[in-house]
Amino acid sequence: MRFLLVFLIGALFGTGIVLSGMANPAKVLNFFDFAGSFDPSLAFVMAGALSVAGPGYALLFRSCQKPLFDETFRLPKASSIDAKLIGGSAVFGIGWGIAGFCPGASIPALGLGHASAAIFVASLLVGIVVARRLAQADFFADVTRQS
């Protein structure tokens, strides 16, 4: 049952990404092109997502003590703004601005056959492996101590 629910949620998310046009990197890149073919529709997609997710989370956490298919909610424990957060956000934003994909939109784009999505996902996976190796080598602890 859990896997079916995860599949259905993923399919709903992917369908929303495709229908909103966010699986098209040109649409995303046009959002950042203020001097050219600016397309503000990404802001409306984000506003729509926040208008549903915000109240949804508030209702969920108010009414449920634990999730249906797990023992506890798995929420981030860190609450500080540090060098890791800023650096990761910058890398995410730069990658998004260059490629036109965020990780969530790249997976449905793979299903649509976009070759650029395959390159992006491969690069994303390499980046995850490199970041994990750096974390294991305690590289980020040195960066955090210096900030």
N, C-alpha and C. Protein backbone atom coordinates (compact mmCIF):
# COMPACT_ATOMS: atom_id res chain seq x y z
N MET A 1 0.82 -1.21 0.00
CA MET A 1 0.00 0.00 0.00
C MET A 1 0.86 1.27 0.00
N ARG A 2 1.96 1.21 0.79
CA ARG A 2 2.84 2.38 0.88
C ARG A 2 3.43 2.71 -0.49
N PHE A 3 3.90 1.69 -1.23
CA PHE A 3 4.51 1.93 -2.53
C PHE A 3 3.50 2.45 -3.54
N LEU A 4 2.28 1.98 -3.46
CA LEU A 4 1.23 2.47 -4.34
C LEU A 4 0.96 3.95 -4.08
N LEU A 5 0.90 4.31 -2.80
CA LEU A 5 0.68 5.71 -2.44
C LEU A 5 1.84 6.59 -2.92
N VAL A 6 3.07 6.13 -2.73
CA VAL A 6 4.24 6.89 -3.20
C VAL A 6 4.19 7.04 -4.71
N PHE A 7 3.84 5.98 -5.42
CA PHE A 7 3.72 6.04 -6.88
C PHE A 7 2.66 7.05 -7.30
N LEU A 8 1.51 7.02 -6.67
CA LEU A 8 0.43 7.94 -7.03
C LEU A 8 0.80 9.40 -6.75
N ILE A 9 1.47 9.65 -5.63
CA ILE A 9 1.90 11.01 -5.31
C ILE A 9 2.94 11.48 -6.32
N GLY A 10 3.89 10.61 -6.67
CA GLY A 10 4.89 10.95 -7.68
C GLY A 10 4.26 11.22 -9.04
N ALA A 11 3.28 10.40 -9.41
CA ALA A 11 2.60 10.60 -10.69
C ALA A 11 1.83 11.93 -10.69
N LEU A 12 1.20 12.27 -9.58
CA LEU A 12 0.49 13.54 -9.48
C LEU A 12 1.46 14.71 -9.59
N PHE A 13 2.59 14.62 -8.89
CA PHE A 13 3.61 15.67 -8.95
C PHE A 13 4.14 15.81 -10.38
N GLY A 14 4.50 14.69 -11.00
CA GLY A 14 5.02 14.72 -12.37
C GLY A 14 4.02 15.29 -13.36
N THR A 15 2.77 14.94 -13.20
CA THR A 15 1.72 15.47 -14.07
C THR A 15 1.60 16.98 -13.90
N GLY A 16 1.66 17.44 -12.66
CA GLY A 16 1.60 18.89 -12.40
C GLY A 16 2.78 19.62 -13.02
N ILE A 17 3.97 19.03 -12.91
CA ILE A 17 5.18 19.63 -13.50
C ILE A 17 5.03 19.73 -15.02
N VAL A 18 4.57 18.67 -15.64
CA VAL A 18 4.42 18.67 -17.10
C VAL A 18 3.32 19.64 -17.54
N LEU A 19 2.16 19.60 -16.88
CA LEU A 19 1.05 20.48 -17.28
C LEU A 19 1.39 21.96 -17.07
N SER A 20 2.19 22.27 -16.06
CA SER A 20 2.55 23.66 -15.80
C SER A 20 3.65 24.16 -16.72
N GLY A 21 4.27 23.25 -17.46
CA GLY A 21 5.33 23.63 -18.38
C GLY A 21 6.70 23.66 -17.75
N MET A 22 6.81 23.27 -16.49
CA MET A 22 8.09 23.35 -15.79
C MET A 22 9.06 22.25 -16.21
N ALA A 23 8.61 21.27 -16.99
CA ALA A 23 9.52 20.26 -17.54
C ALA A 23 10.19 20.77 -18.81
N ASN A 24 9.79 21.97 -19.25
CA ASN A 24 10.38 22.60 -20.43
C ASN A 24 11.43 23.60 -19.96
N PRO A 25 12.73 23.30 -20.16
CA PRO A 25 13.76 24.21 -19.65
C PRO A 25 13.68 25.61 -20.24
N ALA A 26 13.18 25.75 -21.46
CA ALA A 26 13.08 27.09 -22.07
C ALA A 26 12.11 27.96 -21.29
N LYS A 27 11.03 27.37 -20.78
CA LYS A 27 10.05 28.13 -20.00
C LYS A 27 10.67 28.63 -18.70
N VAL A 28 11.47 27.79 -18.06
CA VAL A 28 12.13 28.18 -16.82
C VAL A 28 13.18 29.25 -17.10
N LEU A 29 13.99 29.05 -18.14
CA LEU A 29 15.03 30.02 -18.46
C LEU A 29 14.44 31.37 -18.85
N ASN A 30 13.27 31.37 -19.48
CA ASN A 30 12.62 32.64 -19.83
C ASN A 30 12.18 33.41 -18.59
N PHE A 31 11.95 32.70 -17.50
CA PHE A 31 11.60 33.38 -16.25
C PHE A 31 12.75 34.26 -15.76
N PHE A 32 13.98 33.83 -16.04
CA PHE A 32 15.16 34.57 -15.60
C PHE A 32 15.63 35.61 -16.62
N ASP A 33 14.99 35.68 -17.77
CA ASP A 33 15.42 36.57 -18.85
C ASP A 33 14.64 37.88 -18.79
N PHE A 34 15.01 38.75 -17.86
CA PHE A 34 14.28 40.00 -17.65
C PHE A 34 14.41 40.96 -18.84
N ALA A 35 15.52 40.91 -19.54
CA ALA A 35 15.76 41.84 -20.65
C ALA A 35 15.26 41.30 -21.98
N GLY A 36 14.81 40.07 -22.02
CA GLY A 36 14.38 39.46 -23.28
C GLY A 36 12.97 38.93 -23.23
N SER A 37 12.85 37.64 -23.35
CA SER A 37 11.53 36.99 -23.43
C SER A 37 11.04 36.55 -22.05
N PHE A 38 10.95 37.48 -21.12
CA PHE A 38 10.54 37.20 -19.75
C PHE A 38 9.16 36.53 -19.72
N ASP A 39 9.04 35.44 -18.96
CA ASP A 39 7.79 34.70 -18.80
C ASP A 39 7.53 34.53 -17.30
N PRO A 40 6.58 35.28 -16.74
CA PRO A 40 6.35 35.23 -15.29
C PRO A 40 5.56 34.02 -14.81
N SER A 41 5.22 33.09 -15.70
CA SER A 41 4.33 31.99 -15.30
C SER A 41 4.94 31.10 -14.20
N LEU A 42 6.27 31.01 -14.12
CA LEU A 42 6.89 30.21 -13.05
C LEU A 42 6.52 30.76 -11.68
N ALA A 43 6.46 32.08 -11.56
CA ALA A 43 6.06 32.68 -10.28
C ALA A 43 4.63 32.28 -9.91
N PHE A 44 3.75 32.19 -10.90
CA PHE A 44 2.37 31.78 -10.62
C PHE A 44 2.30 30.31 -10.22
N VAL A 45 3.13 29.47 -10.86
CA VAL A 45 3.18 28.06 -10.49
C VAL A 45 3.66 27.93 -9.04
N MET A 46 4.71 28.67 -8.69
CA MET A 46 5.23 28.62 -7.31
C MET A 46 4.20 29.14 -6.31
N ALA A 47 3.54 30.24 -6.65
CA ALA A 47 2.52 30.80 -5.75
C ALA A 47 1.37 29.80 -5.57
N GLY A 48 0.98 29.15 -6.64
CA GLY A 48 -0.08 28.14 -6.55
C GLY A 48 0.33 26.97 -5.67
N ALA A 49 1.57 26.53 -5.82
CA ALA A 49 2.07 25.41 -5.00
C ALA A 49 2.12 25.80 -3.53
N LEU A 50 2.60 27.00 -3.25
CA LEU A 50 2.67 27.46 -1.86
C LEU A 50 1.29 27.64 -1.24
N SER A 51 0.33 28.10 -2.05
CA SER A 51 -1.01 28.33 -1.53
C SER A 51 -1.71 27.02 -1.16
N VAL A 52 -1.29 25.92 -1.77
CA VAL A 52 -1.84 24.60 -1.42
C VAL A 52 -1.01 23.94 -0.33
N ALA A 53 0.33 23.99 -0.48
CA ALA A 53 1.21 23.29 0.46
C ALA A 53 1.19 23.91 1.85
N GLY A 54 1.20 25.23 1.95
CA GLY A 54 1.22 25.89 3.26
C GLY A 54 0.06 25.48 4.14
N PRO A 55 -1.17 25.72 3.69
CA PRO A 55 -2.30 25.28 4.51
C PRO A 55 -2.36 23.76 4.69
N GLY A 56 -1.92 23.02 3.68
CA GLY A 56 -1.92 21.56 3.79
C GLY A 56 -1.03 21.08 4.91
N TYR A 57 0.19 21.62 4.98
CA TYR A 57 1.10 21.25 6.07
C TYR A 57 0.54 21.68 7.42
N ALA A 58 0.00 22.88 7.49
CA ALA A 58 -0.56 23.36 8.76
C ALA A 58 -1.67 22.43 9.24
N LEU A 59 -2.55 22.05 8.35
CA LEU A 59 -3.65 21.14 8.69
C LEU A 59 -3.12 19.77 9.09
N LEU A 60 -2.15 19.27 8.34
CA LEU A 60 -1.59 17.95 8.62
C LEU A 60 -0.97 17.89 10.00
N PHE A 61 -0.11 18.85 10.32
CA PHE A 61 0.60 18.80 11.60
C PHE A 61 -0.33 19.10 12.78
N ARG A 62 -1.42 19.82 12.53
CA ARG A 62 -2.37 20.09 13.60
C ARG A 62 -3.24 18.87 13.89
N SER A 63 -3.54 18.08 12.85
CA SER A 63 -4.51 17.00 13.02
C SER A 63 -3.89 15.62 13.19
N CYS A 64 -2.61 15.44 12.84
CA CYS A 64 -1.99 14.11 12.90
C CYS A 64 -0.79 14.10 13.84
N GLN A 65 -0.72 13.07 14.65
CA GLN A 65 0.44 12.90 15.53
C GLN A 65 1.60 12.24 14.82
N LYS A 66 1.28 11.41 13.80
CA LYS A 66 2.32 10.72 13.03
C LYS A 66 1.77 10.43 11.63
N PRO A 67 2.66 10.20 10.66
CA PRO A 67 2.20 9.89 9.32
C PRO A 67 1.52 8.52 9.26
N LEU A 68 0.78 8.27 8.21
CA LEU A 68 0.07 6.99 8.07
C LEU A 68 1.01 5.81 7.92
N PHE A 69 2.12 5.99 7.20
CA PHE A 69 2.98 4.87 6.87
C PHE A 69 4.38 4.97 7.47
N ASP A 70 4.53 5.64 8.58
CA ASP A 70 5.82 5.74 9.25
C ASP A 70 5.59 6.01 10.73
N GLU A 71 6.63 5.90 11.51
CA GLU A 71 6.51 6.09 12.95
C GLU A 71 6.53 7.56 13.36
N THR A 72 7.19 8.40 12.55
CA THR A 72 7.32 9.81 12.90
C THR A 72 7.47 10.64 11.63
N PHE A 73 7.15 11.92 11.75
CA PHE A 73 7.42 12.84 10.65
C PHE A 73 8.93 13.06 10.57
N ARG A 74 9.48 13.06 9.39
CA ARG A 74 10.93 13.24 9.22
C ARG A 74 11.19 14.67 8.74
N LEU A 75 11.36 15.55 9.72
CA LEU A 75 11.56 16.96 9.45
C LEU A 75 13.03 17.33 9.66
N PRO A 76 13.50 18.36 8.95
CA PRO A 76 14.89 18.79 9.17
C PRO A 76 15.09 19.22 10.63
N LYS A 77 16.25 18.86 11.16
CA LYS A 77 16.56 19.23 12.54
C LYS A 77 17.34 20.54 12.61
N ALA A 78 18.11 20.83 11.57
CA ALA A 78 18.92 22.06 11.56
C ALA A 78 18.02 23.26 11.32
N SER A 79 18.30 24.34 12.03
CA SER A 79 17.51 25.56 11.85
C SER A 79 18.39 26.78 11.64
N SER A 80 19.71 26.57 11.61
CA SER A 80 20.61 27.72 11.46
C SER A 80 20.98 27.92 9.98
N ILE A 81 21.29 29.16 9.66
CA ILE A 81 21.76 29.50 8.33
C ILE A 81 23.29 29.50 8.40
N ASP A 82 23.90 28.52 7.71
CA ASP A 82 25.35 28.39 7.77
C ASP A 82 25.93 28.32 6.35
N ALA A 83 27.24 28.13 6.27
CA ALA A 83 27.93 28.11 4.97
C ALA A 83 27.43 26.97 4.10
N LYS A 84 27.12 25.81 4.70
CA LYS A 84 26.61 24.68 3.91
C LYS A 84 25.29 25.03 3.25
N LEU A 85 24.39 25.65 4.00
CA LEU A 85 23.08 26.02 3.46
C LEU A 85 23.23 27.06 2.35
N ILE A 86 24.01 28.08 2.60
CA ILE A 86 24.19 29.13 1.59
C ILE A 86 24.88 28.58 0.35
N GLY A 87 25.93 27.79 0.54
CA GLY A 87 26.65 27.21 -0.59
C GLY A 87 25.77 26.27 -1.39
N GLY A 88 25.04 25.42 -0.70
CA GLY A 88 24.13 24.49 -1.39
C GLY A 88 23.04 25.22 -2.15
N SER A 89 22.50 26.27 -1.55
CA SER A 89 21.47 27.08 -2.22
C SER A 89 22.02 27.75 -3.47
N ALA A 90 23.24 28.25 -3.36
CA ALA A 90 23.88 28.91 -4.51
C ALA A 90 24.12 27.91 -5.63
N VAL A 91 24.64 26.73 -5.31
CA VAL A 91 24.88 25.72 -6.34
C VAL A 91 23.57 25.30 -6.99
N PHE A 92 22.53 25.10 -6.16
CA PHE A 92 21.21 24.75 -6.69
C PHE A 92 20.71 25.83 -7.64
N GLY A 93 20.77 27.08 -7.23
CA GLY A 93 20.27 28.18 -8.05
C GLY A 93 21.06 28.36 -9.34
N ILE A 94 22.36 28.25 -9.25
CA ILE A 94 23.19 28.38 -10.46
C ILE A 94 22.89 27.24 -11.43
N GLY A 95 22.81 26.03 -10.92
CA GLY A 95 22.48 24.89 -11.78
C GLY A 95 21.11 25.03 -12.42
N TRP A 96 20.15 25.51 -11.66
CA TRP A 96 18.80 25.72 -12.16
C TRP A 96 18.80 26.79 -13.25
N GLY A 97 19.53 27.88 -13.01
CA GLY A 97 19.59 28.97 -13.98
C GLY A 97 20.32 28.60 -15.26
N ILE A 98 21.32 27.75 -15.16
CA ILE A 98 22.07 27.34 -16.35
C ILE A 98 21.30 26.30 -17.15
N ALA A 99 20.78 25.29 -16.47
CA ALA A 99 20.16 24.15 -17.15
C ALA A 99 18.67 24.34 -17.43
N GLY A 100 17.99 25.13 -16.60
CA GLY A 100 16.55 25.27 -16.76
C GLY A 100 15.77 24.16 -16.09
N PHE A 101 16.45 23.30 -15.35
CA PHE A 101 15.80 22.21 -14.62
C PHE A 101 16.10 22.34 -13.14
N CYS A 102 15.12 22.03 -12.32
CA CYS A 102 15.39 21.77 -10.91
C CYS A 102 15.29 20.24 -10.79
N PRO A 103 15.82 19.66 -9.72
CA PRO A 103 15.79 18.20 -9.63
C PRO A 103 14.38 17.61 -9.77
N GLY A 104 13.40 18.25 -9.17
CA GLY A 104 12.04 17.71 -9.25
C GLY A 104 11.46 17.71 -10.65
N ALA A 105 11.77 18.71 -11.45
CA ALA A 105 11.23 18.79 -12.81
C ALA A 105 12.03 17.95 -13.79
N SER A 106 13.26 17.61 -13.45
CA SER A 106 14.09 16.86 -14.39
C SER A 106 13.62 15.42 -14.55
N ILE A 107 13.02 14.85 -13.53
CA ILE A 107 12.59 13.45 -13.61
C ILE A 107 11.40 13.30 -14.57
N PRO A 108 10.34 14.12 -14.46
CA PRO A 108 9.29 14.03 -15.47
C PRO A 108 9.81 14.37 -16.88
N ALA A 109 10.78 15.28 -16.99
CA ALA A 109 11.35 15.63 -18.29
C ALA A 109 12.07 14.43 -18.90
N LEU A 110 12.66 13.59 -18.05
CA LEU A 110 13.27 12.36 -18.56
C LEU A 110 12.22 11.51 -19.26
N GLY A 111 11.06 11.40 -18.65
CA GLY A 111 9.97 10.62 -19.23
C GLY A 111 9.46 11.19 -20.54
N LEU A 112 9.68 12.48 -20.76
CA LEU A 112 9.26 13.12 -22.01
C LEU A 112 10.34 12.98 -23.09
N GLY A 113 11.49 12.42 -22.72
CA GLY A 113 12.54 12.17 -23.70
C GLY A 113 13.49 13.33 -23.95
N HIS A 114 13.54 14.30 -23.05
CA HIS A 114 14.46 15.42 -23.22
C HIS A 114 15.90 14.94 -22.97
N ALA A 115 16.77 15.04 -23.97
CA ALA A 115 18.17 14.64 -23.81
C ALA A 115 18.86 15.51 -22.77
N SER A 116 18.51 16.80 -22.74
CA SER A 116 19.13 17.70 -21.77
C SER A 116 18.77 17.29 -20.34
N ALA A 117 17.61 16.69 -20.15
CA ALA A 117 17.22 16.21 -18.81
C ALA A 117 18.11 15.04 -18.40
N ALA A 118 18.46 14.18 -19.33
CA ALA A 118 19.34 13.05 -19.01
C ALA A 118 20.72 13.55 -18.60
N ILE A 119 21.23 14.55 -19.30
CA ILE A 119 22.52 15.14 -18.94
C ILE A 119 22.44 15.78 -17.56
N PHE A 120 21.34 16.50 -17.31
CA PHE A 120 21.16 17.16 -16.01
C PHE A 120 21.10 16.13 -14.89
N VAL A 121 20.30 15.07 -15.07
CA VAL A 121 20.15 14.06 -14.01
C VAL A 121 21.48 13.35 -13.76
N ALA A 122 22.23 13.06 -14.82
CA ALA A 122 23.55 12.44 -14.64
C ALA A 122 24.47 13.37 -13.85
N SER A 123 24.46 14.66 -14.19
CA SER A 123 25.27 15.64 -13.46
C SER A 123 24.82 15.76 -12.01
N LEU A 124 23.52 15.72 -11.80
CA LEU A 124 22.95 15.79 -10.45
C LEU A 124 23.44 14.62 -9.61
N LEU A 125 23.41 13.42 -10.18
CA LEU A 125 23.85 12.24 -9.44
C LEU A 125 25.35 12.31 -9.13
N VAL A 126 26.15 12.79 -10.08
CA VAL A 126 27.58 12.97 -9.81
C VAL A 126 27.77 13.98 -8.69
N GLY A 127 27.02 15.07 -8.72
CA GLY A 127 27.10 16.08 -7.66
C GLY A 127 26.74 15.53 -6.30
N ILE A 128 25.74 14.67 -6.24
CA ILE A 128 25.34 14.05 -4.96
C ILE A 128 26.47 13.17 -4.43
N VAL A 129 27.07 12.38 -5.31
CA VAL A 129 28.17 11.50 -4.90
C VAL A 129 29.35 12.33 -4.40
N VAL A 130 29.71 13.39 -5.13
CA VAL A 130 30.83 14.25 -4.72
C VAL A 130 30.53 14.90 -3.37
N ALA A 131 29.33 15.42 -3.19
CA ALA A 131 28.97 16.07 -1.93
C ALA A 131 29.02 15.09 -0.76
N ARG A 132 28.56 13.86 -0.99
CA ARG A 132 28.62 12.86 0.09
C ARG A 132 30.06 12.49 0.43
N ARG A 133 30.89 12.38 -0.59
CA ARG A 133 32.31 12.07 -0.33
C ARG A 133 32.97 13.21 0.44
N LEU A 134 32.67 14.45 0.06
CA LEU A 134 33.23 15.59 0.78
C LEU A 134 32.74 15.62 2.23
N ALA A 135 31.47 15.27 2.42
CA ALA A 135 30.93 15.24 3.78
C ALA A 135 31.60 14.15 4.60
N GLN A 136 31.86 12.99 3.99
CA GLN A 136 32.54 11.90 4.70
C GLN A 136 33.98 12.28 5.05
N ALA A 137 34.59 13.11 4.19
CA ALA A 137 35.97 13.55 4.44
C ALA A 137 36.01 14.73 5.41
N ASP A 138 34.85 15.12 5.92
CA ASP A 138 34.72 16.22 6.87
C ASP A 138 35.10 17.57 6.26
N PHE A 139 34.99 17.69 4.94
CA PHE A 139 35.30 18.93 4.25
C PHE A 139 34.39 20.06 4.71
N PHE A 140 33.09 19.78 4.84
CA PHE A 140 32.13 20.82 5.19
C PHE A 140 32.30 21.33 6.61
N ALA A 141 32.82 20.49 7.49
CA ALA A 141 33.06 20.95 8.87
C ALA A 141 34.10 22.06 8.86
N ASP A 142 35.12 21.89 8.02
CA ASP A 142 36.15 22.95 7.91
C ASP A 142 35.56 24.23 7.36
N VAL A 143 34.69 24.12 6.36
CA VAL A 143 34.06 25.30 5.78
C VAL A 143 33.17 25.99 6.80
N THR A 144 32.43 25.21 7.56
CA THR A 144 31.52 25.76 8.57
C THR A 144 32.30 26.46 9.69
N ARG A 145 33.42 25.88 10.09
CA ARG A 145 34.21 26.50 11.16
C ARG A 145 34.80 27.85 10.72
N GLN A 146 35.08 28.00 9.43
CA GLN A 146 35.68 29.23 8.93
C GLN A 146 34.67 30.36 8.79
N SER A 147 33.39 30.04 8.71
CA SER A 147 32.38 31.09 8.50
C SER A 147 31.96 31.71 9.81
